[in-house]
Amino acid sequence: MTAAAERGTTTVTERAVRRIAGRAAAEALPGEAGARATKCAASVRGRRARLALGLALPYPAPLADTARRVQEHVAARTRELSGLGVPAARIEVTALSAETAGADAAAPGDAAGPGPSPATARAPRRLWSRRGLPVAGIAAAGALVCGALTADLVRVHTAHRPASAWRVSAVHWLAGHGPGDPSVVAAGALTALLGLWLVVLAVTPGLRHRSTLRAPAPRVVAAVDRTAVESLVRDAVGEVAGVGPVRVRARRRRVAVRAGLLFGERADARAAVTAAAGGALATCGLRRSPRLRVKVTPEAVWQPPQPDTETVRRREAPVLGGVTEGKA
């Protein structure tokens, strides 16, 4: 009998646990229109795994009962398939699907006239950032300077006290430095650069890491982070047979996929990777479908597949009178 130390160990990765939990969540939500798992996180420590899932549920729906059902099923199913100890999964309802609500809300409006359908609703090309941090910084600096100057003027005119030392020093410094002074030129250049930066912020949309989606309902604007698109494409390509490490880089107009080939035909693997990545992008529902660029590179362990013996024999058999020797 083989000793326990020589039998080896079986390791279940966090990626495998995450996929099992995602499939289990889908099993627990059969026939629920618009119900899906939006995110799934897993951590494995020894023989125990912790799960956290985000759910999008239809409206209206019994949220507590549905979440409890998913929680119990995901924990039991993951425990059964992975062999790890799984306590109750942490469930977070991240969204209520607008599909059911949109259908219910559209019924009363039929009498008044047809409204815009989700398929024809216009979605913005880009989301505009509110530029909260630059605006807050400039407003805070301006408020600080104006507040200090106002407080000093009020103190001088109401309490008849002398002006503050910082204001007197500033006035003396400005009186002694003309327009050609290097320090004044440098301050003017910095001010011009600050103004140019503000103009660029005002005329550019920002939020370059987000892509807008096709409008799921009228007057609904939705966007997805490009890291989420990269994760979806990476998971879809990773399930292709023979594909090893996968790197995905999503941009506004292009998605680049680099996959390592472990075994199999390179052309077939590239076609399968292209189909998997294209399907994952289609499920994202992006407003503008980006161009897909796929590159499959053989890994160090990859070897060209050997043709079968029958094919080699037929290719090498001499032809006699239009009929191969093997068939004569």
C-alpha atoms as a PDB file:
ATOM      1  CA  MET A   1       0.000   0.000   0.000  1.00  0.00           C
ATOM      2  CA  THR A   2       1.345   3.414  -0.940  1.00  0.00           C
ATOM      3  CA  ALA A   3       2.248   5.625   1.980  1.00  0.00           C
ATOM      4  CA  ALA A   4       0.236   8.787   2.508  1.00  0.00           C
ATOM      5  CA  ALA A   5       3.289  10.988   1.907  1.00  0.00           C
ATOM      6  CA  GLU A   6       3.848   9.401  -1.532  1.00  0.00           C
ATOM      7  CA  ARG A   7       0.278   9.673  -2.823  1.00  0.00           C
ATOM      8  CA  GLY A   8       0.554  13.416  -3.447  1.00  0.00           C
ATOM      9  CA  THR A   9      -1.943  16.192  -2.765  1.00  0.00           C
ATOM     10  CA  THR A  10      -4.914  17.618  -4.601  1.00  0.00           C
ATOM     11  CA  THR A  11      -5.213  21.384  -4.693  1.00  0.00           C
ATOM     12  CA  VAL A  12      -8.443  23.132  -5.661  1.00  0.00           C
ATOM     13  CA  THR A  13      -7.660  26.623  -6.924  1.00  0.00           C
ATOM     14  CA  GLU A  14      -9.683  29.718  -6.175  1.00  0.00           C
ATOM     15  CA  ARG A  15     -10.526  30.009  -9.876  1.00  0.00           C
ATOM     16  CA  ALA A  16     -12.096  26.551  -9.868  1.00  0.00           C
ATOM     17  CA  VAL A  17     -14.076  27.316  -6.700  1.00  0.00           C
ATOM     18  CA  ARG A  18     -15.252  30.607  -8.233  1.00  0.00           C
ATOM     19  CA  ARG A  19     -16.510  28.853 -11.362  1.00  0.00           C
ATOM     20  CA  ILE A  20     -18.258  26.145  -9.358  1.00  0.00           C
ATOM     21  CA  ALA A  21     -19.996  28.792  -7.256  1.00  0.00           C
ATOM     22  CA  GLY A  22     -21.048  30.732 -10.353  1.00  0.00           C
ATOM     23  CA  ARG A  23     -22.555  27.641 -11.959  1.00  0.00           C
ATOM     24  CA  ALA A  24     -24.269  26.724  -8.685  1.00  0.00           C
ATOM     25  CA  ALA A  25     -25.817  30.190  -8.509  1.00  0.00           C
ATOM     26  CA  ALA A  26     -27.161  29.727 -12.034  1.00  0.00           C
ATOM     27  CA  GLU A  27     -28.615  26.358 -10.984  1.00  0.00           C
ATOM     28  CA  ALA A  28     -30.392  27.988  -8.052  1.00  0.00           C
ATOM     29  CA  LEU A  29     -32.068  30.581 -10.304  1.00  0.00           C
ATOM     30  CA  PRO A  30     -33.782  28.516 -13.033  1.00  0.00           C
ATOM     31  CA  GLY A  31     -36.507  30.268 -14.973  1.00  0.00           C
ATOM     32  CA  GLU A  32     -35.992  33.586 -13.148  1.00  0.00           C
ATOM     33  CA  ALA A  33     -36.204  36.261 -15.847  1.00  0.00           C
ATOM     34  CA  GLY A  34     -33.283  38.650 -15.479  1.00  0.00           C
ATOM     35  CA  ALA A  35     -31.774  36.783 -12.503  1.00  0.00           C
ATOM     36  CA  ARG A  36     -28.035  36.218 -12.779  1.00  0.00           C
ATOM     37  CA  ALA A  37     -24.824  36.305 -10.787  1.00  0.00           C
ATOM     38  CA  THR A  38     -23.043  39.600 -11.473  1.00  0.00           C
ATOM     39  CA  LYS A  39     -19.858  38.798  -9.598  1.00  0.00           C
ATOM     40  CA  CYS A  40     -18.305  35.906  -7.717  1.00  0.00           C
ATOM     41  CA  ALA A  41     -15.297  35.936  -5.401  1.00  0.00           C
ATOM     42  CA  ALA A  42     -13.664  33.007  -3.642  1.00  0.00           C
ATOM     43  CA  SER A  43     -10.760  32.566  -1.258  1.00  0.00           C
ATOM     44  CA  VAL A  44      -9.279  29.205  -0.284  1.00  0.00           C
ATOM     45  CA  ARG A  45      -7.355  28.757   2.968  1.00  0.00           C
ATOM     46  CA  GLY A  46      -6.304  25.187   3.574  1.00  0.00           C
ATOM     47  CA  ARG A  47      -9.385  22.982   3.405  1.00  0.00           C
ATOM     48  CA  ARG A  48     -11.896  25.809   3.728  1.00  0.00           C
ATOM     49  CA  ALA A  49     -13.277  28.180   1.128  1.00  0.00           C
ATOM     50  CA  ARG A  50     -15.161  31.442   1.529  1.00  0.00           C
ATOM     51  CA  LEU A  51     -17.568  32.675  -1.129  1.00  0.00           C
ATOM     52  CA  ALA A  52     -19.094  36.061  -1.936  1.00  0.00           C
ATOM     53  CA  LEU A  53     -21.615  36.505  -4.740  1.00  0.00           C
ATOM     54  CA  GLY A  54     -23.430  39.455  -6.237  1.00  0.00           C
ATOM     55  CA  LEU A  55     -26.897  38.823  -7.655  1.00  0.00           C
ATOM     56  CA  ALA A  56     -29.127  40.729 -10.041  1.00  0.00           C
ATOM     57  CA  LEU A  57     -32.752  39.779  -9.367  1.00  0.00           C
ATOM     58  CA  PRO A  58     -35.966  40.618 -11.229  1.00  0.00           C
ATOM     59  CA  TYR A  59     -38.378  43.148  -9.811  1.00  0.00           C
ATOM     60  CA  PRO A  60     -40.612  42.444  -7.998  1.00  0.00           C
ATOM     61  CA  ALA A  61     -39.123  39.376  -6.311  1.00  0.00           C
ATOM     62  CA  PRO A  62     -38.877  38.030  -2.733  1.00  0.00           C
ATOM     63  CA  LEU A  63     -35.307  39.134  -2.198  1.00  0.00           C
ATOM     64  CA  ALA A  64     -34.767  37.500   1.202  1.00  0.00           C
ATOM     65  CA  ASP A  65     -36.150  34.111   0.157  1.00  0.00           C
ATOM     66  CA  THR A  66     -34.321  34.093  -3.169  1.00  0.00           C
ATOM     67  CA  ALA A  67     -31.007  35.116  -1.614  1.00  0.00           C
ATOM     68  CA  ARG A  68     -31.381  32.480   1.116  1.00  0.00           C
ATOM     69  CA  ARG A  69     -32.116  29.792  -1.486  1.00  0.00           C
ATOM     70  CA  VAL A  70     -29.084  30.762  -3.538  1.00  0.00           C
ATOM     71  CA  GLN A  71     -26.919  30.946  -0.422  1.00  0.00           C
ATOM     72  CA  GLU A  72     -27.801  27.420   0.713  1.00  0.00           C
ATOM     73  CA  HIS A  73     -27.549  25.867  -2.759  1.00  0.00           C
ATOM     74  CA  VAL A  74     -24.204  27.496  -3.598  1.00  0.00           C
ATOM     75  CA  ALA A  75     -22.630  26.427  -0.300  1.00  0.00           C
ATOM     76  CA  ALA A  76     -23.904  22.843  -0.583  1.00  0.00           C
ATOM     77  CA  ARG A  77     -23.025  22.444  -4.264  1.00  0.00           C
ATOM     78  CA  THR A  78     -19.536  23.913  -3.871  1.00  0.00           C
ATOM     79  CA  ARG A  79     -18.904  21.724  -0.840  1.00  0.00           C
ATOM     80  CA  GLU A  80     -20.019  18.657  -2.787  1.00  0.00           C
ATOM     81  CA  LEU A  81     -17.959  19.281  -5.933  1.00  0.00           C
ATOM     82  CA  SER A  82     -14.779  20.749  -4.431  1.00  0.00           C
ATOM     83  CA  GLY A  83     -14.526  18.711  -1.241  1.00  0.00           C
ATOM     84  CA  LEU A  84     -13.753  21.866   0.743  1.00  0.00           C
ATOM     85  CA  GLY A  85     -15.488  23.108   3.831  1.00  0.00           C
ATOM     86  CA  VAL A  86     -17.725  25.953   2.734  1.00  0.00           C
ATOM     87  CA  PRO A  87     -19.641  28.035   5.286  1.00  0.00           C
ATOM     88  CA  ALA A  88     -22.662  30.033   4.223  1.00  0.00           C
ATOM     89  CA  ALA A  89     -21.846  32.174   1.195  1.00  0.00           C
ATOM     90  CA  ARG A  90     -22.121  35.946   1.488  1.00  0.00           C
ATOM     91  CA  ILE A  91     -24.844  37.195  -0.871  1.00  0.00           C
ATOM     92  CA  GLU A  92     -25.199  40.797  -2.038  1.00  0.00           C
ATOM     93  CA  VAL A  93     -28.077  41.939  -4.240  1.00  0.00           C
ATOM     94  CA  THR A  94     -26.371  44.415  -6.557  1.00  0.00           C
ATOM     95  CA  ALA A  95     -29.179  45.218  -8.986  1.00  0.00           C
ATOM     96  CA  LEU A  96     -32.840  44.712  -9.766  1.00  0.00           C
ATOM     97  CA  SER A  97     -33.384  43.726 -13.370  1.00  0.00           C
ATOM     98  CA  ALA A  98     -35.323  46.268 -15.416  1.00  0.00           C
ATOM     99  CA  GLU A  99     -36.687  43.677 -17.824  1.00  0.00           C
ATOM    100  CA  THR A 100     -39.755  42.750 -15.783  1.00  0.00           C
ATOM    101  CA  ALA A 101     -40.248  46.298 -14.513  1.00  0.00           C
ATOM    102  CA  GLY A 102     -39.932  47.677 -18.049  1.00  0.00           C
ATOM    103  CA  ALA A 103     -42.567  45.276 -19.341  1.00  0.00           C
ATOM    104  CA  ASP A 104     -44.982  46.123 -16.518  1.00  0.00           C
ATOM    105  CA  ALA A 105     -44.440  49.842 -16.940  1.00  0.00           C
ATOM    106  CA  ALA A 106     -44.958  49.705 -20.683  1.00  0.00           C
ATOM    107  CA  ALA A 107     -48.444  48.212 -20.430  1.00  0.00           C
ATOM    108  CA  PRO A 108     -50.241  51.351 -19.150  1.00  0.00           C
ATOM    109  CA  GLY A 109     -48.561  53.489 -21.781  1.00  0.00           C
ATOM    110  CA  ASP A 110     -49.898  51.486 -24.688  1.00  0.00           C
ATOM    111  CA  ALA A 111     -53.186  53.404 -24.592  1.00  0.00           C
ATOM    112  CA  ALA A 112     -51.421  56.756 -24.832  1.00  0.00           C
ATOM    113  CA  GLY A 113     -49.177  55.662 -27.642  1.00  0.00           C
ATOM    114  CA  PRO A 114     -46.067  53.603 -28.264  1.00  0.00           C
ATOM    115  CA  GLY A 115     -42.992  54.646 -26.352  1.00  0.00           C
ATOM    116  CA  PRO A 116     -39.327  54.125 -27.207  1.00  0.00           C
ATOM    117  CA  SER A 117     -38.343  50.477 -27.112  1.00  0.00           C
ATOM    118  CA  PRO A 118     -35.148  49.361 -25.356  1.00  0.00           C
ATOM    119  CA  ALA A 119     -33.684  48.323 -28.684  1.00  0.00           C
ATOM    120  CA  THR A 120     -34.082  51.810 -30.177  1.00  0.00           C
ATOM    121  CA  ALA A 121     -33.340  53.848 -27.036  1.00  0.00           C
ATOM    122  CA  ARG A 122     -30.311  56.049 -27.569  1.00  0.00           C
ATOM    123  CA  ALA A 123     -27.300  55.464 -25.347  1.00  0.00           C
ATOM    124  CA  PRO A 124     -24.520  58.045 -24.986  1.00  0.00           C
ATOM    125  CA  ARG A 125     -21.230  57.344 -26.719  1.00  0.00           C
ATOM    126  CA  ARG A 126     -19.231  58.193 -23.611  1.00  0.00           C
ATOM    127  CA  LEU A 127     -19.973  58.940 -19.976  1.00  0.00           C
ATOM    128  CA  TRP A 128     -18.835  62.364 -18.802  1.00  0.00           C
ATOM    129  CA  SER A 129     -16.977  62.629 -15.556  1.00  0.00           C
ATOM    130  CA  ARG A 130     -18.053  65.246 -13.055  1.00  0.00           C
ATOM    131  CA  ARG A 131     -14.383  66.048 -12.365  1.00  0.00           C
ATOM    132  CA  GLY A 132     -15.109  66.079  -8.661  1.00  0.00           C
ATOM    133  CA  LEU A 133     -11.506  66.031  -7.432  1.00  0.00           C
ATOM    134  CA  PRO A 134     -10.128  68.910  -9.587  1.00  0.00           C
ATOM    135  CA  VAL A 135     -13.210  71.051  -8.930  1.00  0.00           C
ATOM    136  CA  ALA A 136     -13.045  70.393  -5.199  1.00  0.00           C
ATOM    137  CA  GLY A 137      -9.315  71.181  -5.069  1.00  0.00           C
ATOM    138  CA  ILE A 138      -9.589  74.463  -6.969  1.00  0.00           C
ATOM    139  CA  ALA A 139     -12.698  75.499  -5.045  1.00  0.00           C
ATOM    140  CA  ALA A 140     -10.976  74.740  -1.727  1.00  0.00           C
ATOM    141  CA  ALA A 141      -7.868  76.737  -2.704  1.00  0.00           C
ATOM    142  CA  GLY A 142      -9.954  79.706  -3.886  1.00  0.00           C
ATOM    143  CA  ALA A 143     -12.141  79.606  -0.791  1.00  0.00           C
ATOM    144  CA  LEU A 144      -9.079  79.501   1.463  1.00  0.00           C
ATOM    145  CA  VAL A 145      -7.406  82.507  -0.187  1.00  0.00           C
ATOM    146  CA  CYS A 146     -10.587  84.591  -0.475  1.00  0.00           C
ATOM    147  CA  GLY A 147     -11.661  83.683   3.053  1.00  0.00           C
ATOM    148  CA  ALA A 148      -8.310  84.694   4.531  1.00  0.00           C
ATOM    149  CA  LEU A 149      -8.305  88.006   2.606  1.00  0.00           C
ATOM    150  CA  THR A 150     -11.904  88.756   3.577  1.00  0.00           C
ATOM    151  CA  ALA A 151     -11.265  87.974   7.227  1.00  0.00           C
ATOM    152  CA  ASP A 152      -8.222  90.237   7.286  1.00  0.00           C
ATOM    153  CA  LEU A 153     -10.092  93.129   5.616  1.00  0.00           C
ATOM    154  CA  VAL A 154     -13.004  92.796   8.017  1.00  0.00           C
ATOM    155  CA  ARG A 155     -10.624  92.745  10.980  1.00  0.00           C
ATOM    156  CA  VAL A 156      -8.818  95.854   9.713  1.00  0.00           C
ATOM    157  CA  HIS A 157     -11.977  97.910   9.029  1.00  0.00           C
ATOM    158  CA  THR A 158     -14.071  96.805  11.986  1.00  0.00           C
ATOM    159  CA  ALA A 159     -11.541  96.265  14.756  1.00  0.00           C
ATOM    160  CA  HIS A 160      -9.127  98.947  13.452  1.00  0.00           C
ATOM    161  CA  ARG A 161      -6.173  96.585  13.688  1.00  0.00           C
ATOM    162  CA  PRO A 162      -3.140  96.633  11.407  1.00  0.00           C
ATOM    163  CA  ALA A 163      -3.101  94.404   8.342  1.00  0.00           C
ATOM    164  CA  SER A 164      -1.740  90.908   8.695  1.00  0.00           C
ATOM    165  CA  ALA A 165       1.942  90.373   8.084  1.00  0.00           C
ATOM    166  CA  TRP A 166       1.335  87.955   5.197  1.00  0.00           C
ATOM    167  CA  ARG A 167      -0.772  90.538   3.329  1.00  0.00           C
ATOM    168  CA  VAL A 168       1.776  93.300   3.881  1.00  0.00           C
ATOM    169  CA  SER A 169       4.605  91.008   2.709  1.00  0.00           C
ATOM    170  CA  ALA A 170       2.616  90.026  -0.396  1.00  0.00           C
ATOM    171  CA  VAL A 171       1.951  93.675  -1.296  1.00  0.00           C
ATOM    172  CA  HIS A 172       5.639  94.617  -0.847  1.00  0.00           C
ATOM    173  CA  TRP A 173       6.753  91.638  -2.937  1.00  0.00           C
ATOM    174  CA  LEU A 174       4.360  92.491  -5.766  1.00  0.00           C
ATOM    175  CA  ALA A 175       5.494  96.124  -5.688  1.00  0.00           C
ATOM    176  CA  GLY A 176       9.134  95.132  -6.068  1.00  0.00           C
ATOM    177  CA  HIS A 177       8.729  92.591  -8.918  1.00  0.00           C
ATOM    178  CA  GLY A 178       7.714  93.687 -12.384  1.00  0.00           C
ATOM    179  CA  PRO A 179       6.342  91.741 -15.356  1.00  0.00           C
ATOM    180  CA  GLY A 180       9.811  90.779 -16.567  1.00  0.00           C
ATOM    181  CA  ASP A 181      10.920  89.241 -13.291  1.00  0.00           C
ATOM    182  CA  PRO A 182      11.668  85.493 -13.645  1.00  0.00           C
ATOM    183  CA  SER A 183       9.520  84.597 -10.653  1.00  0.00           C
ATOM    184  CA  VAL A 184       6.554  86.507 -12.107  1.00  0.00           C
ATOM    185  CA  VAL A 185       7.047  84.836 -15.496  1.00  0.00           C
ATOM    186  CA  ALA A 186       7.202  81.422 -13.850  1.00  0.00           C
ATOM    187  CA  ALA A 187       4.030  82.113 -11.859  1.00  0.00           C
ATOM    188  CA  GLY A 188       2.254  83.286 -15.018  1.00  0.00           C
ATOM    189  CA  ALA A 189       3.347  80.148 -16.903  1.00  0.00           C
ATOM    190  CA  LEU A 190       2.068  77.901 -14.098  1.00  0.00           C
ATOM    191  CA  THR A 191      -1.242  79.774 -14.105  1.00  0.00           C
ATOM    192  CA  ALA A 192      -1.547  79.374 -17.882  1.00  0.00           C
ATOM    193  CA  LEU A 193      -0.844  75.644 -17.604  1.00  0.00           C
ATOM    194  CA  LEU A 194      -3.464  75.347 -14.880  1.00  0.00           C
ATOM    195  CA  GLY A 195      -6.012  77.136 -17.072  1.00  0.00           C
ATOM    196  CA  LEU A 196      -5.150  74.918 -20.066  1.00  0.00           C
ATOM    197  CA  TRP A 197      -5.558  71.832 -17.880  1.00  0.00           C
ATOM    198  CA  LEU A 198      -8.982  73.045 -16.749  1.00  0.00           C
ATOM    199  CA  VAL A 199     -10.023  73.670 -20.359  1.00  0.00           C
ATOM    200  CA  VAL A 200      -8.951  70.133 -21.324  1.00  0.00           C
ATOM    201  CA  LEU A 201     -10.923  68.716 -18.392  1.00  0.00           C
ATOM    202  CA  ALA A 202     -13.961  70.731 -19.411  1.00  0.00           C
ATOM    203  CA  VAL A 203     -14.047  69.602 -23.057  1.00  0.00           C
ATOM    204  CA  THR A 204     -13.097  65.919 -22.597  1.00  0.00           C
ATOM    205  CA  PRO A 205     -15.489  63.308 -21.212  1.00  0.00           C
ATOM    206  CA  GLY A 206     -13.135  61.413 -18.942  1.00  0.00           C
ATOM    207  CA  LEU A 207     -14.013  58.016 -17.444  1.00  0.00           C
ATOM    208  CA  ARG A 208     -11.841  56.339 -20.056  1.00  0.00           C
ATOM    209  CA  HIS A 209     -11.978  53.011 -18.200  1.00  0.00           C
ATOM    210  CA  ARG A 210     -15.752  52.659 -18.735  1.00  0.00           C
ATOM    211  CA  SER A 211     -17.714  51.668 -21.811  1.00  0.00           C
ATOM    212  CA  THR A 212     -21.389  52.420 -22.316  1.00  0.00           C
ATOM    213  CA  LEU A 213     -23.916  49.669 -22.937  1.00  0.00           C
ATOM    214  CA  ARG A 214     -26.954  49.506 -25.149  1.00  0.00           C
ATOM    215  CA  ALA A 215     -29.885  51.055 -23.299  1.00  0.00           C
ATOM    216  CA  PRO A 216     -31.745  48.233 -21.472  1.00  0.00           C
ATOM    217  CA  ALA A 217     -34.808  50.486 -21.028  1.00  0.00           C
ATOM    218  CA  PRO A 218     -35.890  54.046 -21.919  1.00  0.00           C
ATOM    219  CA  ARG A 219     -34.044  56.777 -20.018  1.00  0.00           C
ATOM    220  CA  VAL A 220     -31.606  54.240 -18.585  1.00  0.00           C
ATOM    221  CA  VAL A 221     -27.869  54.834 -19.036  1.00  0.00           C
ATOM    222  CA  ALA A 222     -25.631  51.881 -18.202  1.00  0.00           C
ATOM    223  CA  ALA A 223     -21.876  51.428 -18.345  1.00  0.00           C
ATOM    224  CA  VAL A 224     -19.418  48.670 -17.562  1.00  0.00           C
ATOM    225  CA  ASP A 225     -15.865  48.865 -16.341  1.00  0.00           C
ATOM    226  CA  ARG A 226     -13.413  47.588 -18.914  1.00  0.00           C
ATOM    227  CA  THR A 227     -11.722  45.397 -16.320  1.00  0.00           C
ATOM    228  CA  ALA A 228     -15.005  43.479 -16.067  1.00  0.00           C
ATOM    229  CA  VAL A 229     -15.022  43.032 -19.858  1.00  0.00           C
ATOM    230  CA  GLU A 230     -11.454  41.764 -19.672  1.00  0.00           C
ATOM    231  CA  SER A 231     -12.396  39.268 -16.954  1.00  0.00           C
ATOM    232  CA  LEU A 232     -15.370  37.940 -18.951  1.00  0.00           C
ATOM    233  CA  VAL A 233     -13.310  37.506 -22.108  1.00  0.00           C
ATOM    234  CA  ARG A 234     -10.441  35.938 -20.155  1.00  0.00           C
ATOM    235  CA  ASP A 235     -12.729  33.383 -18.507  1.00  0.00           C
ATOM    236  CA  ALA A 236     -14.401  32.506 -21.816  1.00  0.00           C
ATOM    237  CA  VAL A 237     -11.085  32.024 -23.626  1.00  0.00           C
ATOM    238  CA  GLY A 238      -9.650  30.064 -20.700  1.00  0.00           C
ATOM    239  CA  GLU A 239     -12.292  27.380 -21.213  1.00  0.00           C
ATOM    240  CA  VAL A 240     -11.079  26.604 -24.751  1.00  0.00           C
ATOM    241  CA  ALA A 241      -9.362  23.223 -24.931  1.00  0.00           C
ATOM    242  CA  GLY A 242      -5.591  23.464 -25.279  1.00  0.00           C
ATOM    243  CA  VAL A 243      -5.347  27.120 -24.207  1.00  0.00           C
ATOM    244  CA  GLY A 244      -3.129  27.989 -21.260  1.00  0.00           C
ATOM    245  CA  PRO A 245      -2.355  31.503 -19.985  1.00  0.00           C
ATOM    246  CA  VAL A 246      -4.600  34.238 -21.354  1.00  0.00           C
ATOM    247  CA  ARG A 247      -4.022  37.997 -21.366  1.00  0.00           C
ATOM    248  CA  VAL A 248      -6.752  40.428 -22.376  1.00  0.00           C
ATOM    249  CA  ARG A 249      -6.500  44.172 -22.852  1.00  0.00           C
ATOM    250  CA  ALA A 250      -9.709  46.080 -23.512  1.00  0.00           C
ATOM    251  CA  ARG A 251      -9.712  49.547 -24.994  1.00  0.00           C
ATOM    252  CA  ARG A 252     -12.486  51.737 -26.338  1.00  0.00           C
ATOM    253  CA  ARG A 253     -12.254  50.540 -29.938  1.00  0.00           C
ATOM    254  CA  ARG A 254     -10.229  47.336 -29.671  1.00  0.00           C
ATOM    255  CA  VAL A 255      -9.889  44.253 -27.512  1.00  0.00           C
ATOM    256  CA  ALA A 256      -6.584  42.398 -27.756  1.00  0.00           C
ATOM    257  CA  VAL A 257      -6.421  38.746 -26.678  1.00  0.00           C
ATOM    258  CA  ARG A 258      -3.124  36.886 -26.290  1.00  0.00           C
ATOM    259  CA  ALA A 259      -3.457  33.173 -25.533  1.00  0.00           C
ATOM    260  CA  GLY A 260      -0.804  30.536 -24.955  1.00  0.00           C
ATOM    261  CA  LEU A 261      -1.269  27.219 -26.758  1.00  0.00           C
ATOM    262  CA  LEU A 262      -0.421  24.044 -24.838  1.00  0.00           C
ATOM    263  CA  PHE A 263      -1.589  21.416 -27.302  1.00  0.00           C
ATOM    264  CA  GLY A 264      -3.618  21.037 -30.480  1.00  0.00           C
ATOM    265  CA  GLU A 265      -3.665  22.679 -33.910  1.00  0.00           C
ATOM    266  CA  ARG A 266      -2.789  26.354 -33.855  1.00  0.00           C
ATOM    267  CA  ALA A 267      -5.334  27.337 -36.517  1.00  0.00           C
ATOM    268  CA  ASP A 268      -8.162  25.477 -34.798  1.00  0.00           C
ATOM    269  CA  ALA A 269      -7.228  26.962 -31.438  1.00  0.00           C
ATOM    270  CA  ARG A 270      -7.182  30.467 -32.899  1.00  0.00           C
ATOM    271  CA  ALA A 271     -10.631  29.982 -34.433  1.00  0.00           C
ATOM    272  CA  ALA A 272     -11.995  28.649 -31.133  1.00  0.00           C
ATOM    273  CA  VAL A 273     -10.427  31.525 -29.164  1.00  0.00           C
ATOM    274  CA  THR A 274     -11.880  34.067 -31.609  1.00  0.00           C
ATOM    275  CA  ALA A 275     -15.335  32.519 -31.318  1.00  0.00           C
ATOM    276  CA  ALA A 276     -15.180  32.386 -27.496  1.00  0.00           C
ATOM    277  CA  ALA A 277     -13.951  35.983 -27.194  1.00  0.00           C
ATOM    278  CA  GLY A 278     -16.557  37.219 -29.675  1.00  0.00           C
ATOM    279  CA  GLY A 279     -19.324  35.454 -27.777  1.00  0.00           C
ATOM    280  CA  ALA A 280     -18.170  36.968 -24.487  1.00  0.00           C
ATOM    281  CA  LEU A 281     -18.127  40.455 -26.023  1.00  0.00           C
ATOM    282  CA  ALA A 282     -21.613  39.915 -27.431  1.00  0.00           C
ATOM    283  CA  THR A 283     -22.957  39.061 -23.977  1.00  0.00           C
ATOM    284  CA  CYS A 284     -21.571  42.340 -22.596  1.00  0.00           C
ATOM    285  CA  GLY A 285     -24.041  44.343 -24.680  1.00  0.00           C
ATOM    286  CA  LEU A 286     -21.592  47.136 -25.496  1.00  0.00           C
ATOM    287  CA  ARG A 287     -22.982  50.097 -27.429  1.00  0.00           C
ATOM    288  CA  ARG A 288     -20.132  49.918 -29.925  1.00  0.00           C
ATOM    289  CA  SER A 289     -18.655  46.499 -30.639  1.00  0.00           C
ATOM    290  CA  PRO A 290     -14.848  46.809 -30.445  1.00  0.00           C
ATOM    291  CA  ARG A 291     -12.543  45.210 -32.970  1.00  0.00           C
ATOM    292  CA  LEU A 292     -11.208  41.885 -31.792  1.00  0.00           C
ATOM    293  CA  ARG A 293      -7.539  41.087 -32.192  1.00  0.00           C
ATOM    294  CA  VAL A 294      -6.489  37.529 -31.332  1.00  0.00           C
ATOM    295  CA  LYS A 295      -2.967  36.152 -31.132  1.00  0.00           C
ATOM    296  CA  VAL A 296      -2.274  32.520 -30.220  1.00  0.00           C
ATOM    297  CA  THR A 297       1.342  31.763 -29.304  1.00  0.00           C
ATOM    298  CA  PRO A 298       2.591  28.216 -28.720  1.00  0.00           C
ATOM    299  CA  GLU A 299       4.046  27.646 -25.274  1.00  0.00           C
ATOM    300  CA  ALA A 300       7.351  25.887 -24.602  1.00  0.00           C
ATOM    301  CA  VAL A 301       5.585  22.564 -23.956  1.00  0.00           C
ATOM    302  CA  TRP A 302       3.578  22.700 -27.209  1.00  0.00           C
ATOM    303  CA  GLN A 303       4.378  20.177 -29.920  1.00  0.00           C
ATOM    304  CA  PRO A 304       2.883  19.965 -33.408  1.00  0.00           C
ATOM    305  CA  PRO A 305       0.183  17.281 -33.470  1.00  0.00           C
ATOM    306  CA  GLN A 306       1.259  14.103 -35.261  1.00  0.00           C
ATOM    307  CA  PRO A 307      -0.986  12.836 -38.091  1.00  0.00           C
ATOM    308  CA  ASP A 308      -2.503   9.392 -37.651  1.00  0.00           C
ATOM    309  CA  THR A 309      -0.811   6.318 -39.153  1.00  0.00           C
ATOM    310  CA  GLU A 310      -3.436   5.708 -41.843  1.00  0.00           C
ATOM    311  CA  THR A 311      -3.091   9.257 -43.201  1.00  0.00           C
ATOM    312  CA  VAL A 312       0.706   8.964 -43.360  1.00  0.00           C
ATOM    313  CA  ARG A 313       0.515   5.588 -45.118  1.00  0.00           C
ATOM    314  CA  ARG A 314      -1.840   6.915 -47.769  1.00  0.00           C
ATOM    315  CA  ARG A 315       0.330   9.936 -48.412  1.00  0.00           C
ATOM    316  CA  GLU A 316       3.492   7.835 -48.794  1.00  0.00           C
ATOM    317  CA  ALA A 317       1.960   4.986 -50.867  1.00  0.00           C
ATOM    318  CA  PRO A 318       3.155   5.092 -54.544  1.00  0.00           C
ATOM    319  CA  VAL A 319       0.558   5.644 -57.214  1.00  0.00           C
ATOM    320  CA  LEU A 320       0.297   2.919 -59.839  1.00  0.00           C
ATOM    321  CA  GLY A 321      -1.923   3.661 -62.809  1.00  0.00           C
ATOM    322  CA  GLY A 322      -4.008   6.182 -60.896  1.00  0.00           C
ATOM    323  CA  VAL A 323      -4.659   3.671 -58.055  1.00  0.00           C
ATOM    324  CA  THR A 324      -2.596   3.526 -54.918  1.00  0.00           C
ATOM    325  CA  GLU A 325      -0.567   0.402 -54.287  1.00  0.00           C
ATOM    326  CA  GLY A 326      -2.447  -0.315 -51.085  1.00  0.00           C
ATOM    327  CA  LYS A 327      -5.760  -0.511 -52.980  1.00  0.00           C
ATOM    328  CA  ALA A 328      -4.522  -2.496 -55.984  1.00  0.00           C
END
